[in-house]
């Protein structure tokens, strides 16, 4: 596993709250149990398990929704998630999150996002580059270049960008509100919009005006696409030509051809697809076909906490399932630099990092 941990990585599909640490979730759940908000014993064993069933996965999502309605918790989770990704040598991270309201604690969607930003500022184990429009402005001052070594010690740096998620359970007005919030916060690291949520709920065209508006205003757009069979929706989403799509599990032949001709990069989440029963086994996972056709791909975690995985683990899984060597996995993640929602200056720095890393690849 060390060879995957040490490799520089790019993570483009990570849900903030779904990436919560088990230890943090256990602590917060115990606290809620003591307050009588939940019955802690009903959740404890599920939190401590690694190989969770689909039913248990949904129970964890329900619990996470309960615990992530406090500003301090949001800040803490954000800090820990970034530090966890940085610890396994993720050098560029896009976190997506759905802004929440909780009137009981005075939380608005705006204050929720401010709590996320406080979490970014609180990161101490790594230097964070978070401001997208000025390569010289960083949350941490005097940040050295990525993985710069000084006096025998290495200080890592990670690029972090935020995507705001439009929830399919919401209204068209709520979707516009999310886009406007992204525009308001774009100078603080918000670079794009994601459409996500229960794929069996809502019509995606409800959110199309907001997504078009986001694109017109210069925000990047990625869509959860094809999580369930819905050919009409899938074709419509592909016609929209988002910069990326996530999952792409339930395509028929016509949709595959449309995807390949459009060359839209796909965010692949192996463990997630198996745990949610979207794909029955890795033997029939579409990664193999897309990879063989040289379609743009990036391996991601989706919800690393809920699915008890890591990006290093996903690399290891891809290598073992599809017969890929270290160099093939390295090239896959290096190629993902082209799909990041960042400016050319960031891409140049990342490419230089991978150029240096490649020299050590076979050592």
Protein backbone atom coordinates (compact mmCIF):
# COMPACT_ATOMS: atom_id res chain seq x y z
CA UNK A 1 0.00 0.00 0.00
CA UNK A 2 2.93 2.34 0.65
CA UNK A 3 3.66 2.70 -3.07
CA UNK A 4 0.17 4.17 -3.53
CA UNK A 5 0.34 6.35 -0.43
CA UNK A 6 3.64 7.91 -1.51
CA UNK A 7 2.39 8.67 -5.03
CA UNK A 8 1.09 12.23 -5.58
CA UNK A 9 -2.64 12.12 -6.15
CA UNK A 10 -5.53 14.21 -7.44
CA UNK A 11 -8.98 13.86 -5.84
CA UNK A 12 -11.89 15.33 -7.82
CA UNK A 13 -14.98 13.63 -6.36
CA UNK A 14 -15.08 13.82 -2.56
CA UNK A 15 -18.15 14.76 -0.56
CA UNK A 16 -17.09 16.71 2.50
CA UNK A 17 -19.41 15.26 5.12
CA UNK A 18 -19.23 11.73 3.68
CA UNK A 19 -15.46 11.85 4.22
CA UNK A 20 -15.77 12.28 8.00
CA UNK A 21 -13.43 10.20 10.18
CA UNK A 22 -14.97 7.20 11.92
CA UNK A 23 -13.39 8.34 15.19
CA UNK A 24 -14.96 11.78 14.87
CA UNK A 25 -18.34 10.35 13.96
CA UNK A 26 -18.16 7.98 16.92
CA UNK A 27 -17.33 10.83 19.29
CA UNK A 28 -20.10 13.07 17.97
CA UNK A 29 -22.65 10.25 17.98
CA UNK A 30 -21.79 9.40 21.57
CA UNK A 31 -22.35 13.03 22.51
CA UNK A 32 -25.74 13.06 20.81
CA UNK A 33 -26.58 9.84 22.61
CA UNK A 34 -25.78 11.41 25.97
CA UNK A 35 -28.10 14.31 25.09
CA UNK A 36 -30.87 11.91 24.14
CA UNK A 37 -30.93 13.03 20.49
CA UNK A 38 -30.17 9.51 19.22
CA UNK A 39 -29.84 6.02 20.68
CA UNK A 40 -26.06 5.65 20.48
CA UNK A 41 -26.09 1.85 20.70
CA UNK A 42 -28.05 1.69 17.46
CA UNK A 43 -25.19 3.37 15.58
CA UNK A 44 -22.03 2.30 17.41
CA UNK A 45 -21.51 -1.04 15.68
CA UNK A 46 -22.21 0.44 12.26
CA UNK A 47 -19.62 3.17 12.79
CA UNK A 48 -17.01 0.63 13.91
CA UNK A 49 -17.55 -1.64 10.88
CA UNK A 50 -15.48 -1.39 7.70
CA UNK A 51 -17.45 -3.63 5.36
CA UNK A 52 -20.84 -1.95 5.63
CA UNK A 53 -23.97 -3.15 3.90
CA UNK A 54 -26.04 -0.80 1.77
CA UNK A 55 -28.58 -0.47 4.57
CA UNK A 56 -25.80 0.41 7.02
CA UNK A 57 -24.36 2.93 4.57
CA UNK A 58 -27.71 4.75 4.44
CA UNK A 59 -27.93 4.69 8.23
CA UNK A 60 -24.52 6.35 8.41
CA UNK A 61 -25.60 9.03 5.96
CA UNK A 62 -28.64 9.69 8.14
CA UNK A 63 -26.39 10.01 11.21
CA UNK A 64 -23.96 12.31 9.42
CA UNK A 65 -26.85 14.55 8.42
CA UNK A 66 -27.78 14.86 12.10
CA UNK A 67 -24.27 15.62 13.39
CA UNK A 68 -23.24 18.09 10.67
CA UNK A 69 -25.72 20.80 11.61
CA UNK A 70 -23.42 22.74 13.92
CA UNK A 71 -20.86 25.35 12.83
CA UNK A 72 -18.06 23.98 15.01
CA UNK A 73 -18.61 20.45 13.75
CA UNK A 74 -18.51 21.61 10.11
CA UNK A 75 -15.25 23.44 10.77
CA UNK A 76 -13.72 20.44 12.51
CA UNK A 77 -14.78 17.97 9.83
CA UNK A 78 -13.42 20.19 7.06
CA UNK A 79 -10.05 20.53 8.77
CA UNK A 80 -9.75 16.81 9.41
CA UNK A 81 -10.82 15.79 5.91
CA UNK A 82 -8.22 18.04 4.28
CA UNK A 83 -5.50 16.84 6.65
CA UNK A 84 -6.44 13.21 5.98
CA UNK A 85 -6.21 13.62 2.22
CA UNK A 86 -2.93 15.51 2.56
CA UNK A 87 -1.51 12.72 4.76
CA UNK A 88 -1.80 10.30 1.85
CA UNK A 89 -0.12 12.74 -0.51
CA UNK A 90 -3.15 14.18 -2.26
CA UNK A 91 -1.77 17.36 -3.79
CA UNK A 92 -4.98 18.70 -5.31
CA UNK A 93 -8.39 18.25 -3.69
CA UNK A 94 -11.86 19.30 -4.75
CA UNK A 95 -14.40 19.02 -1.93
CA UNK A 96 -18.09 19.21 -2.70
CA UNK A 97 -20.76 20.04 -0.15
CA UNK A 98 -24.43 20.98 -0.01
CA UNK A 99 -24.93 24.22 1.98
CA UNK A 100 -27.29 23.62 4.91
CA UNK A 101 -29.68 25.63 7.03
CA UNK A 102 -30.37 24.90 10.71
CA UNK A 103 -32.46 27.61 12.30
CA UNK A 104 -32.14 26.08 15.78
CA UNK A 105 -28.46 27.04 15.90
CA UNK A 106 -28.68 30.08 13.65
CA UNK A 107 -27.09 28.32 10.69
CA UNK A 108 -27.76 29.76 7.25
CA UNK A 109 -26.37 28.41 4.00
CA UNK A 110 -23.93 31.32 4.04
CA UNK A 111 -22.77 30.69 7.61
CA UNK A 112 -22.46 26.97 6.82
CA UNK A 113 -20.02 27.79 4.06
CA UNK A 114 -18.17 30.23 6.30
CA UNK A 115 -17.73 27.36 8.79
CA UNK A 116 -16.24 25.26 5.98
CA UNK A 117 -13.80 28.08 5.18
CA UNK A 118 -12.83 28.30 8.85
CA UNK A 119 -11.98 24.61 8.66
CA UNK A 120 -9.70 25.25 5.70
CA UNK A 121 -7.94 28.01 7.64
CA UNK A 122 -7.53 25.73 10.64
CA UNK A 123 -5.47 23.15 8.74
CA UNK A 124 -2.04 22.99 10.36
CA UNK A 125 -0.33 19.86 9.05
CA UNK A 126 0.03 21.15 5.50
CA UNK A 127 0.08 24.47 3.65
CA UNK A 128 -3.20 25.12 1.85
CA UNK A 129 -3.58 27.02 -1.41
CA UNK A 130 -7.23 27.95 -1.54
CA UNK A 131 -7.63 31.21 -3.42
CA UNK A 132 -8.19 30.47 -7.11
CA UNK A 133 -7.71 33.85 -8.76
CA UNK A 134 -4.35 34.94 -7.41
CA UNK A 135 -1.58 32.40 -7.37
CA UNK A 136 0.30 34.48 -4.78
CA UNK A 137 -2.55 34.66 -2.26
CA UNK A 138 -2.80 31.71 0.11
CA UNK A 139 -4.52 31.06 3.37
CA UNK A 140 -1.18 30.15 4.91
CA UNK A 141 1.42 32.88 4.57
CA UNK A 142 4.82 32.34 3.00
CA UNK A 143 3.80 29.01 1.53
CA UNK A 144 6.73 27.22 -0.12
CA UNK A 145 6.38 25.35 -3.39
CA UNK A 146 4.70 21.97 -3.21
CA UNK A 147 6.78 19.47 -1.23
CA UNK A 148 9.60 21.97 -0.86
CA UNK A 149 12.37 20.62 1.34
CA UNK A 150 14.09 23.01 3.71
CA UNK A 151 16.66 22.22 6.38
CA UNK A 152 16.01 18.53 5.95
CA UNK A 153 12.27 18.74 6.57
CA UNK A 154 9.47 18.64 4.04
CA UNK A 155 6.52 20.97 4.24
CA UNK A 156 3.71 19.76 2.02
CA UNK A 157 1.20 21.89 0.19
CA UNK A 158 -2.24 20.97 -1.03
CA UNK A 159 -4.50 22.85 -3.40
CA UNK A 160 -8.10 22.83 -2.15
CA UNK A 161 -11.10 23.98 -4.15
CA UNK A 162 -14.80 23.86 -3.25
CA UNK A 163 -17.81 22.81 -5.29
CA UNK A 164 -21.30 23.62 -4.03
CA UNK A 165 -23.82 20.85 -4.58
CA UNK A 166 -27.37 21.37 -5.79
CA UNK A 167 -29.56 18.80 -4.06
CA UNK A 168 -32.06 17.03 -6.32
CA UNK A 169 -34.63 17.21 -3.51
CA UNK A 170 -34.64 21.00 -3.77
CA UNK A 171 -36.46 23.48 -5.96
CA UNK A 172 -35.31 25.47 -8.97
CA UNK A 173 -35.18 28.51 -6.70
CA UNK A 174 -32.97 26.69 -4.20
CA UNK A 175 -30.65 25.72 -7.06
CA UNK A 176 -30.30 29.35 -8.12
CA UNK A 177 -29.64 30.28 -4.50
CA UNK A 178 -26.77 27.77 -4.41
CA UNK A 179 -25.27 29.18 -7.61
CA UNK A 180 -25.52 32.73 -6.30
CA UNK A 181 -23.79 31.66 -3.09
CA UNK A 182 -21.01 30.07 -5.15
CA UNK A 183 -20.60 33.30 -7.09
CA UNK A 184 -20.49 35.30 -3.87
CA UNK A 185 -17.76 33.04 -2.48
CA UNK A 186 -15.79 32.39 -5.65
CA UNK A 187 -12.85 34.53 -4.52
CA UNK A 188 -12.61 32.31 -1.41
CA UNK A 189 -12.11 29.04 -3.22
CA UNK A 190 -15.53 28.09 -4.59
CA UNK A 191 -14.96 27.20 -8.22
CA UNK A 192 -17.92 25.15 -9.36
CA UNK A 193 -21.31 23.51 -9.02
CA UNK A 194 -22.23 19.87 -8.59
CA UNK A 195 -25.64 18.26 -9.09
CA UNK A 196 -26.13 15.39 -6.68
CA UNK A 197 -28.54 13.75 -4.27
CA UNK A 198 -30.98 10.88 -4.63
CA UNK A 199 -30.98 10.12 -8.39
CA UNK A 200 -34.56 8.82 -8.24
CA UNK A 201 -35.85 12.15 -6.93
CA UNK A 202 -36.67 15.18 -9.02
CA UNK A 203 -36.28 15.99 -12.70
CA UNK A 204 -32.80 17.12 -13.62
CA UNK A 205 -34.29 19.71 -15.98
CA UNK A 206 -35.60 21.52 -12.89
CA UNK A 207 -32.02 22.52 -12.17
CA UNK A 208 -30.97 23.17 -15.76
CA UNK A 209 -31.57 26.95 -15.63
CA UNK A 210 -29.35 27.22 -12.55
CA UNK A 211 -26.66 25.06 -14.14
CA UNK A 212 -26.74 27.12 -17.33
CA UNK A 213 -26.51 30.30 -15.28
CA UNK A 214 -23.53 28.88 -13.37
CA UNK A 215 -21.73 28.10 -16.60
CA UNK A 216 -22.52 31.51 -18.07
CA UNK A 217 -20.97 33.09 -14.97
CA UNK A 218 -17.75 31.12 -15.39
CA UNK A 219 -18.31 28.43 -12.78
CA UNK A 220 -17.32 24.86 -13.57
CA UNK A 221 -20.04 22.21 -13.59
CA UNK A 222 -19.94 18.49 -12.81
CA UNK A 223 -22.99 16.22 -12.68
CA UNK A 224 -23.77 12.96 -10.94
CA UNK A 225 -24.88 11.11 -14.03
CA UNK A 226 -26.19 7.61 -14.66
CA UNK A 227 -26.34 6.39 -11.06
CA UNK A 228 -29.65 4.71 -11.99
CA UNK A 229 -31.01 3.67 -15.40
CA UNK A 230 -32.56 6.75 -17.00
CA UNK A 231 -31.53 7.00 -20.67
CA UNK A 232 -33.47 10.19 -21.39
CA UNK A 233 -31.88 12.05 -18.48
CA UNK A 234 -28.42 10.69 -19.24
CA UNK A 235 -28.58 11.81 -22.85
CA UNK A 236 -29.84 15.23 -21.82
CA UNK A 237 -27.02 15.60 -19.29
CA UNK A 238 -24.44 14.66 -21.90
CA UNK A 239 -25.96 17.16 -24.33
CA UNK A 240 -25.38 19.83 -21.68
CA UNK A 241 -21.63 19.06 -21.97
CA UNK A 242 -20.56 19.48 -18.34
CA UNK A 243 -16.82 19.67 -17.70
CA UNK A 244 -17.00 16.32 -15.87
CA UNK A 245 -19.53 13.71 -14.79
CA UNK A 246 -19.52 11.38 -11.80
CA UNK A 247 -20.13 7.61 -11.76
CA UNK A 248 -21.67 6.90 -15.21
CA UNK A 249 -22.74 3.44 -14.08
CA UNK A 250 -26.07 2.79 -15.78
CA UNK A 251 -25.43 3.72 -19.40
CA UNK A 252 -26.77 1.82 -22.38
CA UNK A 253 -24.83 1.45 -25.61
CA UNK A 254 -26.14 4.68 -27.13
CA UNK A 255 -25.13 6.62 -24.03
CA UNK A 256 -21.67 5.05 -23.99
CA UNK A 257 -21.13 6.12 -27.58
CA UNK A 258 -22.35 9.62 -26.81
CA UNK A 259 -20.05 9.86 -23.79
CA UNK A 260 -17.01 8.65 -25.71
CA UNK A 261 -17.63 11.01 -28.62
CA UNK A 262 -18.01 13.96 -26.25
CA UNK A 263 -14.81 13.03 -24.37
CA UNK A 264 -16.28 14.23 -21.05
CA UNK A 265 -14.01 13.08 -18.19
CA UNK A 266 -15.55 10.57 -15.78
CA UNK A 267 -15.00 10.55 -12.02
CA UNK A 268 -14.70 6.85 -11.15
CA UNK A 269 -15.57 5.70 -7.60
CA UNK A 270 -14.97 1.95 -7.45
CA UNK A 271 -15.72 1.11 -3.82
CA UNK A 272 -18.77 3.38 -3.78
CA UNK A 273 -20.21 1.72 -6.89
CA UNK A 274 -19.82 -1.74 -5.37
CA UNK A 275 -21.08 -0.84 -1.87
CA UNK A 276 -24.19 0.86 -3.27
CA UNK A 277 -24.86 -2.11 -5.60
CA UNK A 278 -24.80 0.21 -8.59
CA UNK A 279 -22.29 -2.15 -10.18
CA UNK A 280 -22.49 -5.85 -9.19
CA UNK A 281 -18.74 -6.48 -9.26
CA UNK A 282 -15.47 -5.00 -10.44
CA UNK A 283 -15.33 -7.70 -13.11
CA UNK A 284 -18.01 -5.84 -15.05
CA UNK A 285 -17.10 -2.30 -14.04
CA UNK A 286 -17.07 0.20 -16.91
CA UNK A 287 -13.64 1.46 -15.87
CA UNK A 288 -12.04 -1.33 -17.90
CA UNK A 289 -13.78 -0.42 -21.15
CA UNK A 290 -13.30 3.33 -20.76
CA UNK A 291 -9.64 2.88 -19.83
CA UNK A 292 -8.99 0.62 -22.83
CA UNK A 293 -10.57 3.25 -25.09
CA UNK A 294 -8.31 5.92 -23.51
CA UNK A 295 -11.32 7.88 -22.33
CA UNK A 296 -10.43 10.59 -19.78
CA UNK A 297 -10.85 9.17 -16.27
CA UNK A 298 -9.95 10.03 -12.71
CA UNK A 299 -10.11 7.63 -9.75
CA UNK A 300 -11.90 9.12 -6.72
CA UNK A 301 -13.27 8.14 -3.31
CA UNK A 302 -16.79 9.66 -3.28
CA UNK A 303 -17.37 9.27 0.49
CA UNK A 304 -14.18 7.93 2.03
CA UNK A 305 -15.56 7.85 5.57
CA UNK A 306 -18.86 6.15 4.81
CA UNK A 307 -17.30 3.63 2.44
CA UNK A 308 -14.25 3.07 4.67
CA UNK A 309 -11.75 3.71 1.90
CA UNK A 310 -9.01 6.14 0.87
CA UNK A 311 -7.66 7.33 -2.45
CA UNK A 312 -4.61 5.11 -1.98
CA UNK A 313 -6.94 2.17 -1.43
CA UNK A 314 -8.87 3.04 -4.59
CA UNK A 315 -5.60 3.07 -6.55
CA UNK A 316 -4.70 -0.31 -5.10
CA UNK A 317 -8.14 -1.65 -5.96
CA UNK A 318 -7.89 -0.44 -9.56
CA UNK A 319 -4.41 -1.90 -9.94
CA UNK A 320 -5.42 -5.34 -8.67
CA UNK A 321 -8.82 -5.49 -10.39
CA UNK A 322 -7.70 -4.29 -13.82
CA UNK A 323 -4.09 -5.46 -13.93
CA UNK A 324 -2.53 -2.00 -13.87
CA UNK A 325 1.03 -1.38 -12.77
CA UNK A 326 2.42 1.49 -10.79
CA UNK A 327 3.30 3.48 -13.89
CA UNK A 328 -0.18 3.08 -15.40
CA UNK A 329 -1.80 4.32 -12.19
CA UNK A 330 0.70 7.19 -12.03
CA UNK A 331 -0.14 8.21 -15.61
CA UNK A 332 -3.85 8.03 -14.83
CA UNK A 333 -3.56 10.47 -11.94
CA UNK A 334 -1.10 12.71 -13.77
CA UNK A 335 -3.54 12.95 -16.67
CA UNK A 336 -6.24 14.02 -14.21
CA UNK A 337 -4.43 17.34 -13.81
CA UNK A 338 -6.02 18.33 -17.12
CA UNK A 339 -9.50 17.90 -15.62
CA UNK A 340 -9.07 19.93 -12.42
CA UNK A 341 -11.26 22.98 -11.92
CA UNK A 342 -8.31 25.33 -11.62
CA UNK A 343 -6.37 27.84 -13.69
CA UNK A 344 -3.39 27.17 -15.92
CA UNK A 345 -0.95 28.33 -13.25
CA UNK A 346 -2.10 25.63 -10.86
CA UNK A 347 -1.97 23.05 -13.62
CA UNK A 348 1.62 24.04 -14.44
CA UNK A 349 2.67 23.59 -10.80
CA UNK A 350 0.98 20.23 -10.60
CA UNK A 351 2.55 19.06 -13.85
CA UNK A 352 5.97 20.04 -12.54
CA UNK A 353 5.32 18.09 -9.36
CA UNK A 354 4.40 15.00 -11.36
CA UNK A 355 7.46 15.47 -13.60
CA UNK A 356 9.69 15.35 -10.53
CA UNK A 357 7.77 12.41 -9.07
CA UNK A 358 8.10 10.45 -12.30
CA UNK A 359 11.88 10.57 -12.05
CA UNK A 360 11.64 8.65 -8.76
CA UNK A 361 8.91 6.28 -9.92
CA UNK A 362 11.11 3.31 -10.69
CA UNK A 363 13.56 3.79 -7.84
